[in-house]
Amino acid sequence: MNHLLILGRRSVVSTCSNASRRSASLISSHSFSSEAAPPLPDSVKRVGETFQFPNEYPGQNYLFNWSLNYDGVTPTKKSAFRITKPLDLKIAGLAQPKTSPLKVIPAKGSVPEAGSDDLSFERFDEASQKVKDALSVSNHLYVPEGHPPGTRVGVRIICNSPTLASNLVAYLERAPKKDPPPNQPITVYAYEGPEQDLAFEGYAIEIAEEKAGDAGDAGGPKSVAAVVVAGSTLSLEKIAEGIELSVAGILADAEAAAEE
């Protein structure tokens, strides 16, 4: 692994398990007739109640929305598409990629790591929150998931660009789809918009204390990464660079931990 320096990692605590953070209690609403009903005899008891459950539809999946919420993005427009295979592009109303698989040559030196001389954690946190807020109010969210080429490290990319989403499906290698949707070791926040104050590139690798059951393992400290890219036009090459650097950092951390 050609990862020359492992920067000091911040520790973040995962305060809830995979199951609990995605369990949404649905509030029941009793259904009453608008017309007065005759009184029931005392001998008759109601043993059942009528519940009205919210409807789900393509782009509105409650378990997936909870998973996105855990990643810091709330799809307020009720249009968030989880994309794990080409068919999901069609369901989201997106075009199929022109080339698949799509070979991407990552940019070099354009995505700094938080905690380095080029990017403080404070600046990264500020930019990350702004981008998450902008994604939350986007009309549509497209969320490709898979493995970066040649790896088995899971990545989720939350973006608002239909063109980028199609290309990302061609770039990522397909990974087994799991339900409920697990949060991934790498999360990319990619926002395309004209706001100049949102323009940003950076990534951070932190140590998360995962509880048993998270990501299907026994729990314990593990490295997770967040990549943030925002601008008027999104660069797939910069996103690929952030993902590649995150994979290298996560694997280097795992290798160092195994040697301790």
C-alpha atoms as a PDB file:
ATOM      1  CA  MET A   1       0.000   0.000   0.000  1.00  0.00           C
ATOM      2  CA  ASN A   2       1.566   3.261  -1.105  1.00  0.00           C
ATOM      3  CA  HIS A   3       0.051   5.413   1.629  1.00  0.00           C
ATOM      4  CA  LEU A   4       2.951   7.434   2.993  1.00  0.00           C
ATOM      5  CA  LEU A   5       1.344   9.144   5.965  1.00  0.00           C
ATOM      6  CA  ILE A   6      -1.580   8.305   8.181  1.00  0.00           C
ATOM      7  CA  LEU A   7      -2.832  11.577   9.628  1.00  0.00           C
ATOM      8  CA  GLY A   8      -4.259  11.770  13.131  1.00  0.00           C
ATOM      9  CA  ARG A   9      -7.806  10.528  13.021  1.00  0.00           C
ATOM     10  CA  ARG A  10     -10.703  12.059  14.880  1.00  0.00           C
ATOM     11  CA  SER A  11     -12.905   9.646  16.786  1.00  0.00           C
ATOM     12  CA  VAL A  12     -16.630   9.731  16.201  1.00  0.00           C
ATOM     13  CA  VAL A  13     -19.075   7.593  18.125  1.00  0.00           C
ATOM     14  CA  SER A  14     -21.901   5.715  16.482  1.00  0.00           C
ATOM     15  CA  THR A  15     -24.580   6.022  19.144  1.00  0.00           C
ATOM     16  CA  CYS A  16     -27.112   3.620  17.735  1.00  0.00           C
ATOM     17  CA  SER A  17     -27.147   0.226  16.109  1.00  0.00           C
ATOM     18  CA  ASN A  18     -27.937  -0.498  12.494  1.00  0.00           C
ATOM     19  CA  ALA A  19     -31.391  -1.719  13.381  1.00  0.00           C
ATOM     20  CA  SER A  20     -32.347   1.003  15.818  1.00  0.00           C
ATOM     21  CA  ARG A  21     -31.288   3.930  13.665  1.00  0.00           C
ATOM     22  CA  ARG A  22     -33.361   2.701  10.769  1.00  0.00           C
ATOM     23  CA  SER A  23     -36.453   1.675  12.702  1.00  0.00           C
ATOM     24  CA  ALA A  24     -39.165   4.198  12.031  1.00  0.00           C
ATOM     25  CA  SER A  25     -42.241   3.932  14.190  1.00  0.00           C
ATOM     26  CA  LEU A  26     -45.261   4.640  12.067  1.00  0.00           C
ATOM     27  CA  ILE A  27     -47.876   6.709  13.875  1.00  0.00           C
ATOM     28  CA  SER A  28     -51.268   5.173  13.485  1.00  0.00           C
ATOM     29  CA  SER A  29     -54.273   7.288  12.713  1.00  0.00           C
ATOM     30  CA  HIS A  30     -57.703   5.992  13.626  1.00  0.00           C
ATOM     31  CA  SER A  31     -60.225   6.022  10.817  1.00  0.00           C
ATOM     32  CA  PHE A  32     -63.638   7.330  11.804  1.00  0.00           C
ATOM     33  CA  SER A  33     -66.763   7.616   9.706  1.00  0.00           C
ATOM     34  CA  SER A  34     -68.077  11.093   9.056  1.00  0.00           C
ATOM     35  CA  GLU A  35     -71.578   9.909   9.868  1.00  0.00           C
ATOM     36  CA  ALA A  36     -72.713   9.060  13.383  1.00  0.00           C
ATOM     37  CA  ALA A  37     -72.900   5.317  13.904  1.00  0.00           C
ATOM     38  CA  PRO A  38     -75.485   3.654  16.133  1.00  0.00           C
ATOM     39  CA  PRO A  39     -74.200   2.740  19.586  1.00  0.00           C
ATOM     40  CA  LEU A  40     -72.865  -0.782  19.982  1.00  0.00           C
ATOM     41  CA  PRO A  41     -74.263  -3.160  22.576  1.00  0.00           C
ATOM     42  CA  ASP A  42     -72.141  -3.556  25.689  1.00  0.00           C
ATOM     43  CA  SER A  43     -71.521  -7.165  24.739  1.00  0.00           C
ATOM     44  CA  VAL A  44     -69.727  -6.136  21.568  1.00  0.00           C
ATOM     45  CA  LYS A  45     -66.112  -5.121  21.943  1.00  0.00           C
ATOM     46  CA  ARG A  46     -63.826  -3.696  19.284  1.00  0.00           C
ATOM     47  CA  VAL A  47     -60.832  -5.974  18.992  1.00  0.00           C
ATOM     48  CA  GLY A  48     -59.196  -4.306  15.999  1.00  0.00           C
ATOM     49  CA  GLU A  49     -58.249  -0.821  14.905  1.00  0.00           C
ATOM     50  CA  THR A  50     -57.846   0.710  11.474  1.00  0.00           C
ATOM     51  CA  PHE A  51     -54.384   1.975  10.610  1.00  0.00           C
ATOM     52  CA  GLN A  52     -53.421   4.233   7.739  1.00  0.00           C
ATOM     53  CA  PHE A  53     -49.842   3.649   6.585  1.00  0.00           C
ATOM     54  CA  PRO A  54     -47.968   6.227   4.476  1.00  0.00           C
ATOM     55  CA  ASN A  55     -47.578   5.194   0.853  1.00  0.00           C
ATOM     56  CA  GLU A  56     -44.176   4.394  -0.561  1.00  0.00           C
ATOM     57  CA  TYR A  57     -43.279   4.815  -4.219  1.00  0.00           C
ATOM     58  CA  PRO A  58     -40.116   5.027  -6.362  1.00  0.00           C
ATOM     59  CA  GLY A  59     -38.035   7.740  -4.757  1.00  0.00           C
ATOM     60  CA  GLN A  60     -39.820   7.496  -1.427  1.00  0.00           C
ATOM     61  CA  ASN A  61     -38.605   4.554   0.644  1.00  0.00           C
ATOM     62  CA  TYR A  62     -38.710   5.018   4.388  1.00  0.00           C
ATOM     63  CA  LEU A  63     -35.884   2.663   5.355  1.00  0.00           C
ATOM     64  CA  PHE A  64     -33.616   4.218   2.741  1.00  0.00           C
ATOM     65  CA  ASN A  65     -34.588   7.732   3.853  1.00  0.00           C
ATOM     66  CA  TRP A  66     -33.635   6.848   7.428  1.00  0.00           C
ATOM     67  CA  SER A  67     -30.290   5.590   6.166  1.00  0.00           C
ATOM     68  CA  LEU A  68     -29.701   8.869   4.312  1.00  0.00           C
ATOM     69  CA  ASN A  69     -30.740  10.780   7.415  1.00  0.00           C
ATOM     70  CA  TYR A  70     -28.044   8.964   9.378  1.00  0.00           C
ATOM     71  CA  ASP A  71     -25.577  10.201   6.733  1.00  0.00           C
ATOM     72  CA  GLY A  72     -26.730  13.750   7.424  1.00  0.00           C
ATOM     73  CA  VAL A  73     -28.988  14.244   4.396  1.00  0.00           C
ATOM     74  CA  THR A  74     -32.774  14.478   4.679  1.00  0.00           C
ATOM     75  CA  PRO A  75     -34.591  14.161   1.308  1.00  0.00           C
ATOM     76  CA  THR A  76     -37.200  16.855   1.973  1.00  0.00           C
ATOM     77  CA  LYS A  77     -38.602  16.680  -1.581  1.00  0.00           C
ATOM     78  CA  LYS A  78     -39.403  12.964  -1.145  1.00  0.00           C
ATOM     79  CA  SER A  79     -37.457  11.972  -4.237  1.00  0.00           C
ATOM     80  CA  ALA A  80     -34.346   9.946  -3.388  1.00  0.00           C
ATOM     81  CA  PHE A  81     -33.338   7.008  -5.562  1.00  0.00           C
ATOM     82  CA  ARG A  82     -31.019   4.252  -4.394  1.00  0.00           C
ATOM     83  CA  ILE A  83     -29.121   3.033  -7.461  1.00  0.00           C
ATOM     84  CA  THR A  84     -27.243  -0.265  -7.278  1.00  0.00           C
ATOM     85  CA  LYS A  85     -27.696  -1.520 -10.859  1.00  0.00           C
ATOM     86  CA  PRO A  86     -28.536  -0.169 -14.348  1.00  0.00           C
ATOM     87  CA  LEU A  87     -32.240  -1.010 -13.969  1.00  0.00           C
ATOM     88  CA  ASP A  88     -32.414   1.428 -11.045  1.00  0.00           C
ATOM     89  CA  LEU A  89     -31.422   4.221 -13.445  1.00  0.00           C
ATOM     90  CA  LYS A  90     -34.519   3.516 -15.508  1.00  0.00           C
ATOM     91  CA  ILE A  91     -36.717   3.585 -12.405  1.00  0.00           C
ATOM     92  CA  ALA A  92     -35.208   6.957 -11.506  1.00  0.00           C
ATOM     93  CA  GLY A  93     -35.916   8.253 -15.003  1.00  0.00           C
ATOM     94  CA  LEU A  94     -32.240   8.508 -15.913  1.00  0.00           C
ATOM     95  CA  ALA A  95     -30.429   7.594 -19.095  1.00  0.00           C
ATOM     96  CA  GLN A  96     -28.184   4.571 -19.285  1.00  0.00           C
ATOM     97  CA  PRO A  97     -24.438   5.326 -19.407  1.00  0.00           C
ATOM     98  CA  LYS A  98     -22.962   5.500 -22.883  1.00  0.00           C
ATOM     99  CA  THR A  99     -19.977   3.398 -21.831  1.00  0.00           C
ATOM    100  CA  SER A 100     -19.962   0.597 -19.267  1.00  0.00           C
ATOM    101  CA  PRO A 101     -17.768  -0.174 -17.493  1.00  0.00           C
ATOM    102  CA  LEU A 102     -16.419   3.357 -17.478  1.00  0.00           C
ATOM    103  CA  LYS A 103     -12.702   3.727 -16.840  1.00  0.00           C
ATOM    104  CA  VAL A 104     -11.950   6.917 -14.934  1.00  0.00           C
ATOM    105  CA  ILE A 105      -8.478   8.329 -14.385  1.00  0.00           C
ATOM    106  CA  PRO A 106      -8.625  10.073 -10.984  1.00  0.00           C
ATOM    107  CA  ALA A 107      -7.444  13.647 -10.696  1.00  0.00           C
ATOM    108  CA  LYS A 108      -4.248  14.214  -8.752  1.00  0.00           C
ATOM    109  CA  GLY A 109      -3.701  16.687  -5.931  1.00  0.00           C
ATOM    110  CA  SER A 110      -7.098  18.400  -6.107  1.00  0.00           C
ATOM    111  CA  VAL A 111      -8.820  16.809  -3.087  1.00  0.00           C
ATOM    112  CA  PRO A 112      -7.000  17.535   0.208  1.00  0.00           C
ATOM    113  CA  GLU A 113      -7.442  15.513   3.394  1.00  0.00           C
ATOM    114  CA  ALA A 114      -8.882  17.129   6.511  1.00  0.00           C
ATOM    115  CA  GLY A 115      -6.263  17.393   9.232  1.00  0.00           C
ATOM    116  CA  SER A 116      -3.500  18.209   6.758  1.00  0.00           C
ATOM    117  CA  ASP A 117      -1.786  21.557   6.264  1.00  0.00           C
ATOM    118  CA  ASP A 118      -4.069  22.190   3.287  1.00  0.00           C
ATOM    119  CA  LEU A 119      -7.395  21.613   5.048  1.00  0.00           C
ATOM    120  CA  SER A 120      -8.423  21.880   8.685  1.00  0.00           C
ATOM    121  CA  PHE A 121     -11.141  19.739  10.214  1.00  0.00           C
ATOM    122  CA  GLU A 122     -13.046  22.926  11.058  1.00  0.00           C
ATOM    123  CA  ARG A 123     -13.111  24.056   7.419  1.00  0.00           C
ATOM    124  CA  PHE A 124     -14.090  20.556   6.285  1.00  0.00           C
ATOM    125  CA  ASP A 125     -16.945  20.353   8.808  1.00  0.00           C
ATOM    126  CA  GLU A 126     -18.278  23.752   7.775  1.00  0.00           C
ATOM    127  CA  ALA A 127     -18.228  22.937   4.056  1.00  0.00           C
ATOM    128  CA  SER A 128     -19.607  19.438   4.633  1.00  0.00           C
ATOM    129  CA  GLN A 129     -22.624  20.742   6.538  1.00  0.00           C
ATOM    130  CA  LYS A 130     -23.411  23.329   3.857  1.00  0.00           C
ATOM    131  CA  VAL A 131     -23.295  20.682   1.134  1.00  0.00           C
ATOM    132  CA  LYS A 132     -25.469  18.287   3.146  1.00  0.00           C
ATOM    133  CA  ASP A 133     -28.020  21.074   3.656  1.00  0.00           C
ATOM    134  CA  ALA A 134     -28.022  21.869  -0.068  1.00  0.00           C
ATOM    135  CA  LEU A 135     -28.509  18.207  -0.963  1.00  0.00           C
ATOM    136  CA  SER A 136     -31.365  17.927   1.527  1.00  0.00           C
ATOM    137  CA  VAL A 137     -33.411  20.549  -0.331  1.00  0.00           C
ATOM    138  CA  SER A 138     -32.530  19.368  -3.852  1.00  0.00           C
ATOM    139  CA  ASN A 139     -35.493  18.375  -6.016  1.00  0.00           C
ATOM    140  CA  HIS A 140     -34.090  14.899  -6.605  1.00  0.00           C
ATOM    141  CA  LEU A 141     -31.338  12.838  -5.033  1.00  0.00           C
ATOM    142  CA  TYR A 142     -29.538  10.039  -6.856  1.00  0.00           C
ATOM    143  CA  VAL A 143     -27.536   7.649  -4.712  1.00  0.00           C
ATOM    144  CA  PRO A 144     -25.320   5.147  -6.539  1.00  0.00           C
ATOM    145  CA  GLU A 145     -23.775   2.437  -4.355  1.00  0.00           C
ATOM    146  CA  GLY A 146     -21.097  -0.108  -5.173  1.00  0.00           C
ATOM    147  CA  HIS A 147     -17.386  -0.879  -4.958  1.00  0.00           C
ATOM    148  CA  PRO A 148     -14.612   1.293  -6.375  1.00  0.00           C
ATOM    149  CA  PRO A 149     -12.885  -0.628  -9.198  1.00  0.00           C
ATOM    150  CA  GLY A 150     -10.663  -3.428  -7.942  1.00  0.00           C
ATOM    151  CA  THR A 151     -11.774  -3.168  -4.293  1.00  0.00           C
ATOM    152  CA  ARG A 152     -14.398  -4.546  -1.962  1.00  0.00           C
ATOM    153  CA  VAL A 153     -14.856  -1.334   0.016  1.00  0.00           C
ATOM    154  CA  GLY A 154     -18.431  -0.094  -0.039  1.00  0.00           C
ATOM    155  CA  VAL A 155     -19.153   3.439  -1.209  1.00  0.00           C
ATOM    156  CA  ARG A 156     -22.352   5.500  -1.322  1.00  0.00           C
ATOM    157  CA  ILE A 157     -22.483   8.664  -3.429  1.00  0.00           C
ATOM    158  CA  ILE A 158     -25.284  11.123  -2.630  1.00  0.00           C
ATOM    159  CA  CYS A 159     -25.663  13.546  -5.517  1.00  0.00           C
ATOM    160  CA  ASN A 160     -28.216  15.737  -7.280  1.00  0.00           C
ATOM    161  CA  SER A 161     -26.791  15.394 -10.794  1.00  0.00           C
ATOM    162  CA  PRO A 162     -28.553  12.939 -13.132  1.00  0.00           C
ATOM    163  CA  THR A 163     -25.622  12.856 -15.564  1.00  0.00           C
ATOM    164  CA  LEU A 164     -23.121  12.153 -12.812  1.00  0.00           C
ATOM    165  CA  ALA A 165     -25.332   9.405 -11.377  1.00  0.00           C
ATOM    166  CA  SER A 166     -25.419   7.543 -14.697  1.00  0.00           C
ATOM    167  CA  ASN A 167     -21.656   7.743 -15.090  1.00  0.00           C
ATOM    168  CA  LEU A 168     -21.087   6.636 -11.503  1.00  0.00           C
ATOM    169  CA  VAL A 169     -23.092   3.467 -12.100  1.00  0.00           C
ATOM    170  CA  ALA A 170     -20.756   2.688 -14.999  1.00  0.00           C
ATOM    171  CA  TYR A 171     -17.682   3.548 -12.906  1.00  0.00           C
ATOM    172  CA  LEU A 172     -18.522   1.556  -9.753  1.00  0.00           C
ATOM    173  CA  GLU A 173     -18.394  -2.211  -9.646  1.00  0.00           C
ATOM    174  CA  ARG A 174     -21.677  -3.775  -8.648  1.00  0.00           C
ATOM    175  CA  ALA A 175     -21.983  -4.884  -5.025  1.00  0.00           C
ATOM    176  CA  PRO A 176     -24.572  -7.200  -3.449  1.00  0.00           C
ATOM    177  CA  LYS A 177     -27.665  -5.222  -2.475  1.00  0.00           C
ATOM    178  CA  LYS A 178     -28.577  -5.484   1.190  1.00  0.00           C
ATOM    179  CA  ASP A 179     -31.776  -4.540   2.962  1.00  0.00           C
ATOM    180  CA  PRO A 180     -32.241  -2.578   5.095  1.00  0.00           C
ATOM    181  CA  PRO A 181     -29.743  -0.297   3.330  1.00  0.00           C
ATOM    182  CA  PRO A 182     -26.454  -0.372   5.281  1.00  0.00           C
ATOM    183  CA  ASN A 183     -24.370   2.750   5.653  1.00  0.00           C
ATOM    184  CA  GLN A 184     -21.090   2.424   3.782  1.00  0.00           C
ATOM    185  CA  PRO A 185     -17.450   2.869   4.854  1.00  0.00           C
ATOM    186  CA  ILE A 186     -17.157   5.701   2.316  1.00  0.00           C
ATOM    187  CA  THR A 187     -19.849   8.327   1.789  1.00  0.00           C
ATOM    188  CA  VAL A 188     -19.512  10.912  -0.966  1.00  0.00           C
ATOM    189  CA  TYR A 189     -21.521  14.136  -0.910  1.00  0.00           C
ATOM    190  CA  ALA A 190     -21.580  15.606  -4.427  1.00  0.00           C
ATOM    191  CA  TYR A 191     -23.605  18.767  -4.994  1.00  0.00           C
ATOM    192  CA  GLU A 192     -23.925  20.498  -8.353  1.00  0.00           C
ATOM    193  CA  GLY A 193     -25.202  24.064  -8.261  1.00  0.00           C
ATOM    194  CA  PRO A 194     -24.349  27.690  -9.052  1.00  0.00           C
ATOM    195  CA  GLU A 195     -23.729  28.768  -5.456  1.00  0.00           C
ATOM    196  CA  GLN A 196     -20.152  30.038  -5.332  1.00  0.00           C
ATOM    197  CA  ASP A 197     -19.922  29.777  -1.550  1.00  0.00           C
ATOM    198  CA  LEU A 198     -20.493  26.014  -1.767  1.00  0.00           C
ATOM    199  CA  ALA A 199     -17.584  25.261  -4.106  1.00  0.00           C
ATOM    200  CA  PHE A 200     -15.345  22.793  -2.287  1.00  0.00           C
ATOM    201  CA  GLU A 201     -13.252  19.624  -2.539  1.00  0.00           C
ATOM    202  CA  GLY A 202     -11.978  17.619   0.401  1.00  0.00           C
ATOM    203  CA  TYR A 203     -12.167  14.352   2.296  1.00  0.00           C
ATOM    204  CA  ALA A 204     -11.818  13.164   5.878  1.00  0.00           C
ATOM    205  CA  ILE A 205     -11.070   9.788   7.437  1.00  0.00           C
ATOM    206  CA  GLU A 206     -12.204   9.276  11.008  1.00  0.00           C
ATOM    207  CA  ILE A 207     -12.376   6.479  13.554  1.00  0.00           C
ATOM    208  CA  ALA A 208     -15.940   5.417  14.291  1.00  0.00           C
ATOM    209  CA  GLU A 209     -16.821   3.250  17.271  1.00  0.00           C
ATOM    210  CA  GLU A 210     -19.387   0.973  15.691  1.00  0.00           C
ATOM    211  CA  LYS A 211     -21.744  -1.106  17.778  1.00  0.00           C
ATOM    212  CA  ALA A 212     -22.309  -4.780  17.123  1.00  0.00           C
ATOM    213  CA  GLY A 213     -24.558  -5.247  14.131  1.00  0.00           C
ATOM    214  CA  ASP A 214     -23.428  -2.165  12.243  1.00  0.00           C
ATOM    215  CA  ALA A 215     -22.337  -3.112   8.713  1.00  0.00           C
ATOM    216  CA  GLY A 216     -22.878  -6.753   9.689  1.00  0.00           C
ATOM    217  CA  ASP A 217     -19.781  -7.076  11.859  1.00  0.00           C
ATOM    218  CA  ALA A 218     -18.973  -7.510  15.529  1.00  0.00           C
ATOM    219  CA  GLY A 219     -18.459  -3.821  16.154  1.00  0.00           C
ATOM    220  CA  GLY A 220     -15.439  -1.939  17.488  1.00  0.00           C
ATOM    221  CA  PRO A 221     -13.370   0.958  16.110  1.00  0.00           C
ATOM    222  CA  LYS A 222     -13.111   1.238  12.337  1.00  0.00           C
ATOM    223  CA  SER A 223     -12.107   3.878   9.833  1.00  0.00           C
ATOM    224  CA  VAL A 224     -14.803   5.589   7.798  1.00  0.00           C
ATOM    225  CA  ALA A 225     -14.448   8.301   5.180  1.00  0.00           C
ATOM    226  CA  ALA A 226     -16.455  11.221   3.868  1.00  0.00           C
ATOM    227  CA  VAL A 227     -15.729  12.917   0.547  1.00  0.00           C
ATOM    228  CA  VAL A 228     -17.246  16.311  -0.242  1.00  0.00           C
ATOM    229  CA  VAL A 229     -17.226  17.756  -3.751  1.00  0.00           C
ATOM    230  CA  ALA A 230     -19.353  20.721  -4.793  1.00  0.00           C
ATOM    231  CA  GLY A 231     -19.361  23.165  -7.686  1.00  0.00           C
ATOM    232  CA  SER A 232     -21.202  24.466 -10.710  1.00  0.00           C
ATOM    233  CA  THR A 233     -20.043  21.406 -12.652  1.00  0.00           C
ATOM    234  CA  LEU A 234     -19.091  18.187 -10.896  1.00  0.00           C
ATOM    235  CA  SER A 235     -15.914  16.394 -11.910  1.00  0.00           C
ATOM    236  CA  LEU A 236     -16.075  12.614 -11.936  1.00  0.00           C
ATOM    237  CA  GLU A 237     -12.271  12.603 -11.880  1.00  0.00           C
ATOM    238  CA  LYS A 238     -12.177  14.577  -8.617  1.00  0.00           C
ATOM    239  CA  ILE A 239     -14.796  12.323  -7.057  1.00  0.00           C
ATOM    240  CA  ALA A 240     -12.776   9.285  -8.132  1.00  0.00           C
ATOM    241  CA  GLU A 241      -9.670  10.838  -6.565  1.00  0.00           C
ATOM    242  CA  GLY A 242     -11.477  11.377  -3.255  1.00  0.00           C
ATOM    243  CA  ILE A 243     -12.747   7.794  -3.308  1.00  0.00           C
ATOM    244  CA  GLU A 244      -9.330   6.384  -4.202  1.00  0.00           C
ATOM    245  CA  LEU A 245      -7.620   8.325  -1.400  1.00  0.00           C
ATOM    246  CA  SER A 246     -10.302   7.233   1.064  1.00  0.00           C
ATOM    247  CA  VAL A 247      -9.875   3.571   0.130  1.00  0.00           C
ATOM    248  CA  ALA A 248      -6.097   3.876   0.567  1.00  0.00           C
ATOM    249  CA  GLY A 249      -6.494   5.514   3.971  1.00  0.00           C
ATOM    250  CA  ILE A 250      -9.061   3.011   5.247  1.00  0.00           C
ATOM    251  CA  LEU A 251      -6.966   0.032   4.140  1.00  0.00           C
ATOM    252  CA  ALA A 252      -3.800   1.558   5.624  1.00  0.00           C
ATOM    253  CA  ASP A 253      -5.583   2.114   8.945  1.00  0.00           C
ATOM    254  CA  ALA A 254      -6.827  -1.481   8.944  1.00  0.00           C
ATOM    255  CA  GLU A 255      -3.329  -2.762   8.181  1.00  0.00           C
ATOM    256  CA  ALA A 256      -1.834  -0.650  10.974  1.00  0.00           C
ATOM    257  CA  ALA A 257      -4.483  -1.832  13.442  1.00  0.00           C
ATOM    258  CA  ALA A 258      -3.779  -5.482  12.544  1.00  0.00           C
ATOM    259  CA  GLU A 259      -0.097  -5.010  13.332  1.00  0.00           C
ATOM    260  CA  GLU A 260      -0.760  -3.600  16.827  1.00  0.00           C
END
